[in-house]
Structures are given as C-alpha cells and as structure tokens.
N, C-alpha and C. Protein backbone atom coordinates (compact mmCIF):
# COMPACT_ATOMS: atom_id res chain seq x y z
N MET A 1 -36.90 27.02 -4.66
CA MET A 1 -35.92 26.40 -3.81
C MET A 1 -34.85 27.42 -3.38
N GLN A 2 -34.58 28.38 -4.25
CA GLN A 2 -33.58 29.40 -3.92
C GLN A 2 -33.96 30.18 -2.68
N ASP A 3 -35.24 30.56 -2.52
CA ASP A 3 -35.67 31.30 -1.33
C ASP A 3 -35.51 30.47 -0.07
N LEU A 4 -35.81 29.17 -0.15
CA LEU A 4 -35.63 28.27 1.01
C LEU A 4 -34.18 28.20 1.41
N ASP A 5 -33.29 28.07 0.42
CA ASP A 5 -31.87 28.03 0.74
C ASP A 5 -31.41 29.33 1.41
N ALA A 6 -31.84 30.48 0.89
CA ALA A 6 -31.46 31.76 1.45
C ALA A 6 -32.00 31.92 2.87
N GLU A 7 -33.24 31.51 3.08
CA GLU A 7 -33.85 31.62 4.38
C GLU A 7 -33.16 30.68 5.39
N GLY A 8 -32.84 29.48 4.94
CA GLY A 8 -32.12 28.55 5.80
C GLY A 8 -30.74 29.05 6.17
N GLN A 9 -30.05 29.60 5.19
CA GLN A 9 -28.71 30.14 5.48
C GLN A 9 -28.81 31.32 6.45
N LYS A 10 -29.82 32.15 6.29
CA LYS A 10 -30.01 33.30 7.19
C LYS A 10 -30.21 32.81 8.62
N LYS A 11 -31.06 31.82 8.79
CA LYS A 11 -31.31 31.28 10.13
C LYS A 11 -30.08 30.60 10.67
N TRP A 12 -29.37 29.85 9.82
CA TRP A 12 -28.16 29.15 10.24
C TRP A 12 -27.12 30.14 10.76
N LEU A 13 -26.94 31.26 10.04
CA LEU A 13 -25.93 32.22 10.43
C LEU A 13 -26.30 33.01 11.69
N GLN A 14 -27.57 32.94 12.11
CA GLN A 14 -27.99 33.59 13.34
C GLN A 14 -27.62 32.73 14.57
N ILE A 15 -27.33 31.48 14.36
CA ILE A 15 -26.90 30.60 15.44
C ILE A 15 -25.42 30.91 15.72
N PRO A 16 -25.08 31.07 16.99
CA PRO A 16 -23.66 31.33 17.30
C PRO A 16 -22.72 30.29 16.69
N TYR A 17 -21.57 30.72 16.26
CA TYR A 17 -20.62 29.88 15.56
C TYR A 17 -20.29 28.58 16.30
N ASP A 18 -19.95 28.67 17.57
CA ASP A 18 -19.61 27.47 18.35
C ASP A 18 -20.79 26.50 18.41
N ASP A 19 -22.01 27.03 18.50
CA ASP A 19 -23.19 26.16 18.52
C ASP A 19 -23.36 25.47 17.17
N ARG A 20 -23.07 26.18 16.08
CA ARG A 20 -23.17 25.57 14.75
C ARG A 20 -22.19 24.41 14.60
N ILE A 21 -20.99 24.58 15.16
CA ILE A 21 -20.02 23.48 15.11
C ILE A 21 -20.57 22.29 15.86
N GLN A 22 -21.11 22.48 17.06
CA GLN A 22 -21.65 21.38 17.85
C GLN A 22 -22.83 20.72 17.17
N ILE A 23 -23.68 21.50 16.53
CA ILE A 23 -24.86 20.96 15.83
C ILE A 23 -24.40 20.12 14.64
N ALA A 24 -23.48 20.67 13.85
CA ALA A 24 -22.98 19.92 12.68
C ALA A 24 -22.27 18.65 13.11
N GLU A 25 -21.50 18.73 14.20
CA GLU A 25 -20.79 17.56 14.72
C GLU A 25 -21.80 16.49 15.14
N PHE A 26 -22.85 16.90 15.83
CA PHE A 26 -23.87 15.97 16.27
C PHE A 26 -24.53 15.28 15.06
N ILE A 27 -24.91 16.05 14.07
CA ILE A 27 -25.56 15.49 12.88
C ILE A 27 -24.63 14.54 12.14
N PHE A 28 -23.38 14.94 11.94
CA PHE A 28 -22.44 14.07 11.24
C PHE A 28 -22.23 12.77 12.00
N ASN A 29 -22.12 12.86 13.33
CA ASN A 29 -21.97 11.64 14.14
C ASN A 29 -23.19 10.75 14.00
N GLU A 30 -24.37 11.32 14.01
CA GLU A 30 -25.58 10.51 13.89
C GLU A 30 -25.65 9.82 12.53
N ILE A 31 -25.24 10.50 11.49
CA ILE A 31 -25.27 9.90 10.15
C ILE A 31 -24.25 8.76 10.05
N THR A 32 -23.04 8.99 10.51
CA THR A 32 -22.00 7.99 10.31
C THR A 32 -22.03 6.87 11.34
N ARG A 33 -22.42 7.16 12.56
CA ARG A 33 -22.40 6.11 13.61
C ARG A 33 -23.65 5.25 13.63
N SER A 34 -24.79 5.88 13.32
CA SER A 34 -26.03 5.12 13.43
C SER A 34 -26.20 4.13 12.28
N GLN A 35 -25.66 4.44 11.12
CA GLN A 35 -25.75 3.58 9.95
C GLN A 35 -27.18 3.08 9.75
N CYS A 36 -28.11 3.98 9.70
CA CYS A 36 -29.50 3.60 9.62
C CYS A 36 -30.17 4.26 8.43
N SER A 37 -31.44 3.93 8.25
CA SER A 37 -32.21 4.48 7.12
C SER A 37 -32.47 5.97 7.35
N PHE A 38 -32.85 6.62 6.27
CA PHE A 38 -33.21 8.05 6.33
C PHE A 38 -34.29 8.28 7.36
N ARG A 39 -35.36 7.47 7.32
CA ARG A 39 -36.47 7.66 8.26
C ARG A 39 -36.03 7.49 9.70
N ARG A 40 -35.25 6.44 9.95
CA ARG A 40 -34.80 6.23 11.34
C ARG A 40 -33.91 7.37 11.79
N LEU A 41 -33.08 7.86 10.89
CA LEU A 41 -32.19 8.97 11.24
C LEU A 41 -33.01 10.20 11.64
N ILE A 42 -33.96 10.62 10.80
CA ILE A 42 -34.65 11.86 11.10
C ILE A 42 -35.66 11.74 12.25
N TYR A 43 -36.29 10.58 12.37
CA TYR A 43 -37.29 10.42 13.42
C TYR A 43 -36.69 9.98 14.76
N ASP A 44 -35.94 8.90 14.71
CA ASP A 44 -35.43 8.26 15.96
C ASP A 44 -34.16 8.93 16.47
N ARG A 45 -33.24 9.25 15.57
CA ARG A 45 -31.95 9.76 16.00
C ARG A 45 -31.93 11.27 16.15
N LEU A 46 -32.62 11.99 15.23
CA LEU A 46 -32.58 13.45 15.29
C LEU A 46 -33.84 14.03 15.94
N GLY A 47 -34.88 13.22 16.15
CA GLY A 47 -36.03 13.62 16.89
C GLY A 47 -37.04 14.51 16.16
N PHE A 48 -37.07 14.42 14.83
CA PHE A 48 -38.02 15.23 14.06
C PHE A 48 -39.39 14.52 14.00
N GLU A 49 -40.41 15.29 13.64
CA GLU A 49 -41.77 14.78 13.44
C GLU A 49 -41.97 14.55 11.95
N CYS A 50 -43.15 14.02 11.60
CA CYS A 50 -43.46 13.67 10.19
C CYS A 50 -43.31 14.86 9.23
N ASP A 51 -43.58 16.06 9.71
CA ASP A 51 -43.47 17.22 8.83
C ASP A 51 -42.07 17.49 8.32
N ALA A 52 -41.08 16.88 8.91
CA ALA A 52 -39.69 17.10 8.49
C ALA A 52 -39.29 16.23 7.28
N TYR A 53 -40.06 15.20 7.01
CA TYR A 53 -39.65 14.23 5.98
C TYR A 53 -39.40 14.93 4.62
N CYS A 54 -40.35 15.64 4.09
CA CYS A 54 -40.23 16.23 2.77
C CYS A 54 -39.09 17.25 2.65
N PRO A 55 -39.01 18.21 3.57
CA PRO A 55 -37.91 19.18 3.39
C PRO A 55 -36.53 18.54 3.56
N LEU A 56 -36.39 17.56 4.46
CA LEU A 56 -35.09 16.93 4.65
C LEU A 56 -34.78 15.97 3.51
N TYR A 57 -35.80 15.34 2.95
CA TYR A 57 -35.63 14.52 1.75
C TYR A 57 -35.16 15.36 0.58
N LEU A 58 -35.86 16.46 0.34
CA LEU A 58 -35.52 17.37 -0.76
C LEU A 58 -34.14 18.00 -0.59
N ALA A 59 -33.69 18.11 0.64
CA ALA A 59 -32.37 18.66 0.92
C ALA A 59 -31.24 17.65 0.70
N GLY A 60 -31.62 16.40 0.40
CA GLY A 60 -30.61 15.39 0.09
C GLY A 60 -30.37 14.40 1.22
N GLY A 61 -31.22 14.42 2.24
CA GLY A 61 -31.02 13.53 3.40
C GLY A 61 -30.96 12.06 3.03
N MET A 62 -31.85 11.60 2.17
CA MET A 62 -31.85 10.18 1.82
C MET A 62 -30.64 9.86 0.98
N THR A 63 -30.22 10.75 0.11
CA THR A 63 -29.01 10.53 -0.67
C THR A 63 -27.79 10.36 0.24
N ILE A 64 -27.73 11.18 1.27
CA ILE A 64 -26.61 11.09 2.21
C ILE A 64 -26.61 9.76 2.96
N THR A 65 -27.77 9.38 3.53
CA THR A 65 -27.82 8.13 4.29
C THR A 65 -27.56 6.92 3.38
N ASN A 66 -28.07 6.95 2.16
CA ASN A 66 -27.81 5.85 1.23
C ASN A 66 -26.33 5.79 0.84
N SER A 67 -25.72 6.94 0.62
CA SER A 67 -24.31 6.99 0.25
C SER A 67 -23.44 6.44 1.37
N VAL A 68 -23.73 6.80 2.60
CA VAL A 68 -22.97 6.29 3.75
C VAL A 68 -23.13 4.79 3.84
N SER A 69 -24.34 4.31 3.68
CA SER A 69 -24.61 2.86 3.74
C SER A 69 -23.85 2.13 2.61
N ASP A 70 -23.91 2.66 1.40
CA ASP A 70 -23.19 2.05 0.27
C ASP A 70 -21.69 2.02 0.51
N TYR A 71 -21.17 3.12 1.04
CA TYR A 71 -19.72 3.21 1.31
C TYR A 71 -19.33 2.19 2.37
N LEU A 72 -20.11 2.09 3.45
CA LEU A 72 -19.77 1.12 4.50
C LEU A 72 -19.85 -0.31 3.99
N ASP A 73 -20.87 -0.60 3.17
CA ASP A 73 -20.95 -1.94 2.56
C ASP A 73 -19.71 -2.23 1.72
N TYR A 74 -19.28 -1.24 0.95
CA TYR A 74 -18.07 -1.42 0.13
C TYR A 74 -16.86 -1.69 0.99
N GLU A 75 -16.69 -0.92 2.05
CA GLU A 75 -15.55 -1.10 2.96
C GLU A 75 -15.56 -2.47 3.62
N ILE A 76 -16.73 -2.89 4.08
CA ILE A 76 -16.86 -4.19 4.73
C ILE A 76 -16.51 -5.30 3.76
N ASN A 77 -17.05 -5.23 2.55
CA ASN A 77 -16.75 -6.26 1.54
C ASN A 77 -15.26 -6.28 1.18
N ALA A 78 -14.65 -5.12 1.12
CA ALA A 78 -13.21 -5.07 0.84
C ALA A 78 -12.41 -5.73 1.96
N ASP A 79 -12.82 -5.49 3.22
CA ASP A 79 -12.13 -6.10 4.33
C ASP A 79 -12.35 -7.61 4.38
N ILE A 80 -13.53 -8.07 3.98
CA ILE A 80 -13.76 -9.52 3.89
C ILE A 80 -12.85 -10.12 2.84
N GLU A 81 -12.77 -9.50 1.68
CA GLU A 81 -11.89 -10.01 0.60
C GLU A 81 -10.43 -10.05 1.03
N LYS A 82 -9.98 -9.06 1.83
CA LYS A 82 -8.62 -9.04 2.33
C LYS A 82 -8.38 -10.01 3.47
N GLY A 83 -9.47 -10.62 3.97
CA GLY A 83 -9.35 -11.54 5.10
C GLY A 83 -9.20 -10.82 6.43
N LEU A 84 -9.49 -9.54 6.47
CA LEU A 84 -9.38 -8.78 7.70
C LEU A 84 -10.51 -9.05 8.67
N ILE A 85 -11.67 -9.37 8.11
CA ILE A 85 -12.82 -9.74 8.91
C ILE A 85 -13.50 -10.93 8.28
N GLU A 86 -14.24 -11.65 9.07
CA GLU A 86 -14.96 -12.84 8.55
C GLU A 86 -16.36 -12.43 8.14
N GLU A 87 -16.85 -13.06 7.07
CA GLU A 87 -18.18 -12.81 6.61
C GLU A 87 -19.18 -13.44 7.60
N LYS A 88 -20.20 -12.70 7.95
CA LYS A 88 -21.22 -13.18 8.87
C LYS A 88 -22.05 -14.27 8.18
N ALA A 89 -22.24 -15.37 8.86
CA ALA A 89 -23.03 -16.45 8.30
C ALA A 89 -24.49 -16.08 8.26
N SER A 90 -25.19 -16.49 7.20
CA SER A 90 -26.63 -16.24 7.08
C SER A 90 -27.39 -17.14 8.04
N PRO A 91 -28.50 -16.66 8.60
CA PRO A 91 -29.29 -17.49 9.55
C PRO A 91 -29.95 -18.65 8.88
C-alpha cells in the first residue's frame, strides 16, 4: 500500500496547484451535496468505471460516504427533535 500512496502523491503533485484545488472542491461537493451511496458517487457522480471500485474502496471512499450519511441523519434527527423541521410521514 505504501508504494501506491507514494505513486498517487507523485501524480497528484504533478497536477498544477490551482487544478488540484478545483478537483478537490469538485470531489468534496459531490460527496456532501449528492448524499448518495459509494457506488452512486463513484459511477454516476464522478464518472468512474467498474475498475475504480476496489482502489477507491480501499482508499476509504465507502467510509467517507457512510460517515457523511450518518452525520446528515444525525443532524436531521436533531433538527426534528428541536422542532426545526417536521418528520416526513412514511408512505
């Protein structure tokens, strides 16, 4: 894993700084705004193919999407308890 991290960092640093900011901003926005599953994020939102699943999973992609989802659920439940928003009725 160490070699993959070093190779990834080497490639990342070859991208011009301003481009790296835009890429990171795009990815962060997709993670936080889309509020979707790991698969939907990498395939539908970021446009990767099936070969991306394992490396992005091993890099912590699913942990990130699950953490965002858990955090948003917590925030929504807290707002419901405070009466700031109404709980959506079940169908």
